[in-house]
Amino acid sequence: MLSKGLLLEDIRTDEILEMHRIMSRYADLPMDLADASLVVVAERLRLRKVFTLDRHFRLYHPRHLRHFEIVP
């Protein structure tokens, strides 16, 4: 759903295992469930740009990009 520039997406059941896999891959970084959910949805939608205040998010490497463009 698109509303005033925000995209709201549900986490699909099949993405829960992927979130667990991503969290395991980045276990040495401060990745939490919210970070993993943002990564899996961004990968599914092939998003380049994500909004987050977490500086460490730059360290995550999605499958479809070398790195995310972080906003702000």
PDB file of N, CA and C in Angstrom:
ATOM      1  N   MET A   1       0.845  -1.172   0.000  1.00  0.00           N
ATOM      2  CA  MET A   1       0.000   0.000   0.000  1.00  0.00           C
ATOM      3  C   MET A   1       0.890   1.235   0.000  1.00  0.00           C
ATOM      4  N   LEU A   2       0.579   2.216  -0.815  1.00  0.00           N
ATOM      5  CA  LEU A   2       1.355   3.439  -0.893  1.00  0.00           C
ATOM      6  C   LEU A   2       0.553   4.577  -0.281  1.00  0.00           C
ATOM      7  N   SER A   3       1.142   5.272   0.664  1.00  0.00           N
ATOM      8  CA  SER A   3       0.461   6.362   1.335  1.00  0.00           C
ATOM      9  C   SER A   3       1.472   7.444   1.681  1.00  0.00           C
ATOM     10  N   LYS A   4       1.374   8.583   1.007  1.00  0.00           N
ATOM     11  CA  LYS A   4       2.255   9.720   1.290  1.00  0.00           C
ATOM     12  C   LYS A   4       3.730   9.339   1.257  1.00  0.00           C
ATOM     13  N   GLY A   5       4.113   8.533   0.296  1.00  0.00           N
ATOM     14  CA  GLY A   5       5.515   8.180   0.124  1.00  0.00           C
ATOM     15  C   GLY A   5       5.996   7.000   0.936  1.00  0.00           C
ATOM     16  N   LEU A   6       5.145   6.419   1.758  1.00  0.00           N
ATOM     17  CA  LEU A   6       5.542   5.240   2.532  1.00  0.00           C
ATOM     18  C   LEU A   6       4.941   3.993   1.918  1.00  0.00           C
ATOM     19  N   LEU A   7       5.730   2.954   1.861  1.00  0.00           N
ATOM     20  CA  LEU A   7       5.269   1.674   1.356  1.00  0.00           C
ATOM     21  C   LEU A   7       5.150   0.723   2.539  1.00  0.00           C
ATOM     22  N   LEU A   8       3.945   0.239   2.792  1.00  0.00           N
ATOM     23  CA  LEU A   8       3.714  -0.701   3.889  1.00  0.00           C
ATOM     24  C   LEU A   8       3.530  -2.090   3.297  1.00  0.00           C
ATOM     25  N   GLU A   9       4.333  -3.023   3.736  1.00  0.00           N
ATOM     26  CA  GLU A   9       4.311  -4.386   3.207  1.00  0.00           C
ATOM     27  C   GLU A   9       4.229  -5.378   4.349  1.00  0.00           C
ATOM     28  N   ASP A  10       3.513  -6.442   4.131  1.00  0.00           N
ATOM     29  CA  ASP A  10       3.459  -7.543   5.092  1.00  0.00           C
ATOM     30  C   ASP A  10       4.653  -8.463   4.876  1.00  0.00           C
ATOM     31  N   ILE A  11       5.058  -9.111   5.955  1.00  0.00           N
ATOM     32  CA  ILE A  11       6.066 -10.161   5.857  1.00  0.00           C
ATOM     33  C   ILE A  11       5.317 -11.439   5.504  1.00  0.00           C
ATOM     34  N   ARG A  12       5.748 -12.093   4.442  1.00  0.00           N
ATOM     35  CA  ARG A  12       5.110 -13.337   4.032  1.00  0.00           C
ATOM     36  C   ARG A  12       5.650 -14.488   4.876  1.00  0.00           C
ATOM     37  N   THR A  13       4.843 -15.488   5.045  1.00  0.00           N
ATOM     38  CA  THR A  13       5.226 -16.644   5.854  1.00  0.00           C
ATOM     39  C   THR A  13       6.533 -17.255   5.370  1.00  0.00           C
ATOM     40  N   ASP A  14       6.705 -17.365   4.072  1.00  0.00           N
ATOM     41  CA  ASP A  14       7.918 -17.977   3.523  1.00  0.00           C
ATOM     42  C   ASP A  14       9.161 -17.118   3.755  1.00  0.00           C
ATOM     43  N   GLU A  15       8.986 -15.867   4.135  1.00  0.00           N
ATOM     44  CA  GLU A  15      10.135 -14.989   4.364  1.00  0.00           C
ATOM     45  C   GLU A  15      10.686 -15.090   5.789  1.00  0.00           C
ATOM     46  N   ILE A  16       9.955 -15.720   6.669  1.00  0.00           N
ATOM     47  CA  ILE A  16      10.407 -15.837   8.055  1.00  0.00           C
ATOM     48  C   ILE A  16      11.699 -16.644   8.145  1.00  0.00           C
ATOM     49  N   LEU A  17      11.789 -17.750   7.408  1.00  0.00           N
ATOM     50  CA  LEU A  17      13.033 -18.529   7.392  1.00  0.00           C
ATOM     51  C   LEU A  17      14.182 -17.732   6.787  1.00  0.00           C
ATOM     52  N   GLU A  18      13.880 -16.944   5.781  1.00  0.00           N
ATOM     53  CA  GLU A  18      14.913 -16.094   5.172  1.00  0.00           C
ATOM     54  C   GLU A  18      15.409 -15.054   6.179  1.00  0.00           C
ATOM     55  N   MET A  19      14.511 -14.496   6.970  1.00  0.00           N
ATOM     56  CA  MET A  19      14.909 -13.537   7.999  1.00  0.00           C
ATOM     57  C   MET A  19      15.852 -14.199   9.003  1.00  0.00           C
ATOM     58  N   HIS A  20      15.538 -15.429   9.387  1.00  0.00           N
ATOM     59  CA  HIS A  20      16.399 -16.166  10.308  1.00  0.00           C
ATOM     60  C   HIS A  20      17.779 -16.405   9.685  1.00  0.00           C
ATOM     61  N   ARG A  21      17.794 -16.768   8.417  1.00  0.00           N
ATOM     62  CA  ARG A  21      19.066 -17.000   7.718  1.00  0.00           C
ATOM     63  C   ARG A  21      19.905 -15.719   7.678  1.00  0.00           C
ATOM     64  N   ILE A  22      19.262 -14.603   7.381  1.00  0.00           N
ATOM     65  CA  ILE A  22      19.974 -13.314   7.316  1.00  0.00           C
ATOM     66  C   ILE A  22      20.513 -12.932   8.690  1.00  0.00           C
ATOM     67  N   MET A  23      19.705 -13.111   9.722  1.00  0.00           N
ATOM     68  CA  MET A  23      20.163 -12.782  11.073  1.00  0.00           C
ATOM     69  C   MET A  23      21.348 -13.654  11.476  1.00  0.00           C
ATOM     70  N   SER A  24      21.350 -14.912  11.057  1.00  0.00           N
ATOM     71  CA  SER A  24      22.482 -15.799  11.345  1.00  0.00           C
ATOM     72  C   SER A  24      23.729 -15.348  10.593  1.00  0.00           C
ATOM     73  N   ARG A  25      23.550 -14.927   9.336  1.00  0.00           N
ATOM     74  CA  ARG A  25      24.678 -14.479   8.526  1.00  0.00           C
ATOM     75  C   ARG A  25      25.348 -13.247   9.132  1.00  0.00           C
ATOM     76  N   TYR A  26      24.552 -12.364   9.729  1.00  0.00           N
ATOM     77  CA  TYR A  26      25.082 -11.135  10.318  1.00  0.00           C
ATOM     78  C   TYR A  26      25.100 -11.201  11.841  1.00  0.00           C
ATOM     79  N   ALA A  27      25.298 -12.380  12.387  1.00  0.00           N
ATOM     80  CA  ALA A  27      25.258 -12.581  13.843  1.00  0.00           C
ATOM     81  C   ALA A  27      26.315 -11.751  14.574  1.00  0.00           C
ATOM     82  N   ASP A  28      27.403 -11.423  13.908  1.00  0.00           N
ATOM     83  CA  ASP A  28      28.457 -10.638  14.545  1.00  0.00           C
ATOM     84  C   ASP A  28      28.176  -9.136  14.496  1.00  0.00           C
ATOM     85  N   LEU A  29      27.077  -8.735  13.858  1.00  0.00           N
ATOM     86  CA  LEU A  29      26.675  -7.325  13.780  1.00  0.00           C
ATOM     87  C   LEU A  29      25.397  -7.128  14.592  1.00  0.00           C
ATOM     88  N   PRO A  30      25.065  -5.892  14.896  1.00  0.00           N
ATOM     89  CA  PRO A  30      23.827  -5.652  15.642  1.00  0.00           C
ATOM     90  C   PRO A  30      22.587  -5.705  14.741  1.00  0.00           C
ATOM     91  N   MET A  31      22.252  -6.892  14.220  1.00  0.00           N
ATOM     92  CA  MET A  31      21.048  -7.036  13.396  1.00  0.00           C
ATOM     93  C   MET A  31      19.931  -7.601  14.258  1.00  0.00           C
ATOM     94  N   ASP A  32      18.771  -6.942  14.207  1.00  0.00           N
ATOM     95  CA  ASP A  32      17.620  -7.451  14.946  1.00  0.00           C
ATOM     96  C   ASP A  32      16.515  -7.837  13.963  1.00  0.00           C
ATOM     97  N   LEU A  33      15.379  -8.250  14.504  1.00  0.00           N
ATOM     98  CA  LEU A  33      14.264  -8.704  13.683  1.00  0.00           C
ATOM     99  C   LEU A  33      13.765  -7.609  12.741  1.00  0.00           C
ATOM    100  N   ALA A  34      13.729  -6.378  13.210  1.00  0.00           N
ATOM    101  CA  ALA A  34      13.283  -5.264  12.366  1.00  0.00           C
ATOM    102  C   ALA A  34      14.220  -5.077  11.169  1.00  0.00           C
ATOM    103  N   ASP A  35      15.525  -5.151  11.407  1.00  0.00           N
ATOM    104  CA  ASP A  35      16.499  -5.026  10.319  1.00  0.00           C
ATOM    105  C   ASP A  35      16.313  -6.149   9.303  1.00  0.00           C
ATOM    106  N   ALA A  36      16.185  -7.374   9.788  1.00  0.00           N
ATOM    107  CA  ALA A  36      16.029  -8.522   8.893  1.00  0.00           C
ATOM    108  C   ALA A  36      14.749  -8.416   8.080  1.00  0.00           C
ATOM    109  N   SER A  37      13.681  -7.938   8.693  1.00  0.00           N
ATOM    110  CA  SER A  37      12.423  -7.804   7.948  1.00  0.00           C
ATOM    111  C   SER A  37      12.548  -6.753   6.855  1.00  0.00           C
ATOM    112  N   LEU A  38      13.249  -5.666   7.134  1.00  0.00           N
ATOM    113  CA  LEU A  38      13.459  -4.635   6.119  1.00  0.00           C
ATOM    114  C   LEU A  38      14.299  -5.171   4.960  1.00  0.00           C
ATOM    115  N   VAL A  39      15.305  -5.972   5.273  1.00  0.00           N
ATOM    116  CA  VAL A  39      16.150  -6.547   4.224  1.00  0.00           C
ATOM    117  C   VAL A  39      15.340  -7.490   3.333  1.00  0.00           C
ATOM    118  N   VAL A  40      14.548  -8.400   3.920  1.00  0.00           N
ATOM    119  CA  VAL A  40      13.823  -9.360   3.081  1.00  0.00           C
ATOM    120  C   VAL A  40      12.758  -8.688   2.223  1.00  0.00           C
ATOM    121  N   VAL A  41      12.085  -7.684   2.763  1.00  0.00           N
ATOM    122  CA  VAL A  41      11.078  -6.975   1.949  1.00  0.00           C
ATOM    123  C   VAL A  41      11.766  -6.172   0.852  1.00  0.00           C
ATOM    124  N   ALA A  42      12.861  -5.516   1.171  1.00  0.00           N
ATOM    125  CA  ALA A  42      13.596  -4.754   0.160  1.00  0.00           C
ATOM    126  C   ALA A  42      14.120  -5.674  -0.936  1.00  0.00           C
ATOM    127  N   GLU A  43      14.565  -6.875  -0.565  1.00  0.00           N
ATOM    128  CA  GLU A  43      15.020  -7.829  -1.577  1.00  0.00           C
ATOM    129  C   GLU A  43      13.858  -8.276  -2.459  1.00  0.00           C
ATOM    130  N   ARG A  44      12.727  -8.587  -1.841  1.00  0.00           N
ATOM    131  CA  ARG A  44      11.562  -9.032  -2.618  1.00  0.00           C
ATOM    132  C   ARG A  44      11.114  -7.955  -3.603  1.00  0.00           C
ATOM    133  N   LEU A  45      11.096  -6.711  -3.150  1.00  0.00           N
ATOM    134  CA  LEU A  45      10.632  -5.609  -4.000  1.00  0.00           C
ATOM    135  C   LEU A  45      11.754  -4.999  -4.850  1.00  0.00           C
ATOM    136  N   ARG A  46      12.970  -5.517  -4.642  1.00  0.00           N
ATOM    137  CA  ARG A  46      14.145  -5.044  -5.374  1.00  0.00           C
ATOM    138  C   ARG A  46      14.358  -3.543  -5.174  1.00  0.00           C
ATOM    139  N   LEU A  47      14.208  -3.113  -3.918  1.00  0.00           N
ATOM    140  CA  LEU A  47      14.389  -1.700  -3.577  1.00  0.00           C
ATOM    141  C   LEU A  47      15.865  -1.378  -3.438  1.00  0.00           C
ATOM    142  N   ARG A  48      16.221  -0.204  -3.877  1.00  0.00           N
ATOM    143  CA  ARG A  48      17.590   0.269  -3.735  1.00  0.00           C
ATOM    144  C   ARG A  48      17.729   1.162  -2.506  1.00  0.00           C
ATOM    145  N   LYS A  49      16.672   1.891  -2.196  1.00  0.00           N
ATOM    146  CA  LYS A  49      16.695   2.915  -1.163  1.00  0.00           C
ATOM    147  C   LYS A  49      15.813   2.488   0.006  1.00  0.00           C
ATOM    148  N   VAL A  50      16.347   2.584   1.224  1.00  0.00           N
ATOM    149  CA  VAL A  50      15.581   2.268   2.430  1.00  0.00           C
ATOM    150  C   VAL A  50      15.736   3.397   3.446  1.00  0.00           C
ATOM    151  N   PHE A  51      14.693   3.588   4.246  1.00  0.00           N
ATOM    152  CA  PHE A  51      14.738   4.575   5.315  1.00  0.00           C
ATOM    153  C   PHE A  51      15.068   3.860   6.614  1.00  0.00           C
ATOM    154  N   THR A  52      16.163   4.251   7.231  1.00  0.00           N
ATOM    155  CA  THR A  52      16.539   3.713   8.537  1.00  0.00           C
ATOM    156  C   THR A  52      17.476   4.703   9.214  1.00  0.00           C
ATOM    157  N   LEU A  53      17.419   4.715  10.523  1.00  0.00           N
ATOM    158  CA  LEU A  53      18.335   5.540  11.312  1.00  0.00           C
ATOM    159  C   LEU A  53      19.515   4.720  11.820  1.00  0.00           C
ATOM    160  N   ASP A  54      19.514   3.422  11.529  1.00  0.00           N
ATOM    161  CA  ASP A  54      20.598   2.526  11.947  1.00  0.00           C
ATOM    162  C   ASP A  54      21.802   2.687  11.027  1.00  0.00           C
ATOM    163  N   ARG A  55      22.880   3.222  11.543  1.00  0.00           N
ATOM    164  CA  ARG A  55      24.096   3.432  10.747  1.00  0.00           C
ATOM    165  C   ARG A  55      24.708   2.115  10.272  1.00  0.00           C
ATOM    166  N   HIS A  56      24.569   1.071  11.078  1.00  0.00           N
ATOM    167  CA  HIS A  56      25.163  -0.218  10.712  1.00  0.00           C
ATOM    168  C   HIS A  56      24.455  -0.875   9.526  1.00  0.00           C
ATOM    169  N   PHE A  57      23.313  -0.341   9.117  1.00  0.00           N
ATOM    170  CA  PHE A  57      22.568  -0.918   8.000  1.00  0.00           C
ATOM    171  C   PHE A  57      23.388  -0.889   6.705  1.00  0.00           C
ATOM    172  N   ARG A  58      24.354   0.006   6.640  1.00  0.00           N
ATOM    173  CA  ARG A  58      25.218   0.094   5.456  1.00  0.00           C
ATOM    174  C   ARG A  58      26.070  -1.167   5.276  1.00  0.00           C
ATOM    175  N   LEU A  59      26.201  -1.941   6.332  1.00  0.00           N
ATOM    176  CA  LEU A  59      27.023  -3.146   6.269  1.00  0.00           C
ATOM    177  C   LEU A  59      26.293  -4.346   5.679  1.00  0.00           C
ATOM    178  N   TYR A  60      24.985  -4.258   5.542  1.00  0.00           N
ATOM    179  CA  TYR A  60      24.207  -5.369   5.006  1.00  0.00           C
ATOM    180  C   TYR A  60      24.260  -5.358   3.483  1.00  0.00           C
ATOM    181  N   HIS A  61      24.409  -6.530   2.910  1.00  0.00           N
ATOM    182  CA  HIS A  61      24.512  -6.667   1.461  1.00  0.00           C
ATOM    183  C   HIS A  61      23.331  -7.474   0.932  1.00  0.00           C
ATOM    184  N   PRO A  62      22.335  -6.782   0.361  1.00  0.00           N
ATOM    185  CA  PRO A  62      21.188  -7.511  -0.200  1.00  0.00           C
ATOM    186  C   PRO A  62      21.606  -8.292  -1.438  1.00  0.00           C
ATOM    187  N   ARG A  63      20.814  -9.294  -1.780  1.00  0.00           N
ATOM    188  CA  ARG A  63      21.146 -10.148  -2.926  1.00  0.00           C
ATOM    189  C   ARG A  63      21.136  -9.396  -4.246  1.00  0.00           C
ATOM    190  N   HIS A  64      20.314  -8.365  -4.369  1.00  0.00           N
ATOM    191  CA  HIS A  64      20.139  -7.699  -5.657  1.00  0.00           C
ATOM    192  C   HIS A  64      20.997  -6.439  -5.822  1.00  0.00           C
ATOM    193  N   LEU A  65      21.765  -6.079  -4.801  1.00  0.00           N
ATOM    194  CA  LEU A  65      22.599  -4.869  -4.836  1.00  0.00           C
ATOM    195  C   LEU A  65      23.917  -5.118  -4.111  1.00  0.00           C
ATOM    196  N   ARG A  66      24.859  -4.219  -4.337  1.00  0.00           N
ATOM    197  CA  ARG A  66      26.084  -4.266  -3.539  1.00  0.00           C
ATOM    198  C   ARG A  66      25.823  -3.716  -2.145  1.00  0.00           C
ATOM    199  N   HIS A  67      24.967  -2.673  -2.082  1.00  0.00           N
ATOM    200  CA  HIS A  67      24.582  -2.081  -0.792  1.00  0.00           C
ATOM    201  C   HIS A  67      23.320  -1.234  -1.009  1.00  0.00           C
ATOM    202  N   PHE A  68      22.625  -0.969   0.086  1.00  0.00           N
ATOM    203  CA  PHE A  68      21.445  -0.119   0.033  1.00  0.00           C
ATOM    204  C   PHE A  68      21.836   1.351  -0.001  1.00  0.00           C
ATOM    205  N   GLU A  69      21.000   2.160  -0.590  1.00  0.00           N
ATOM    206  CA  GLU A  69      21.103   3.604  -0.439  1.00  0.00           C
ATOM    207  C   GLU A  69      20.270   3.944   0.786  1.00  0.00           C
ATOM    208  N   ILE A  70      20.901   4.547   1.795  1.00  0.00           N
ATOM    209  CA  ILE A  70      20.257   4.805   3.078  1.00  0.00           C
ATOM    210  C   ILE A  70      19.693   6.223   3.107  1.00  0.00           C
ATOM    211  N   VAL A  71      18.437   6.331   3.532  1.00  0.00           N
ATOM    212  CA  VAL A  71      17.780   7.624   3.719  1.00  0.00           C
ATOM    213  C   VAL A  71      17.427   7.722   5.178  1.00  0.00           C
ATOM    214  N   PRO A  72      17.666   8.741   5.891  1.00  0.00           N
ATOM    215  CA  PRO A  72      18.137  10.053   5.478  1.00  0.00           C
ATOM    216  C   PRO A  72      19.619  10.117   5.312  1.00  0.00           C
TER     217      PRO A  72
END
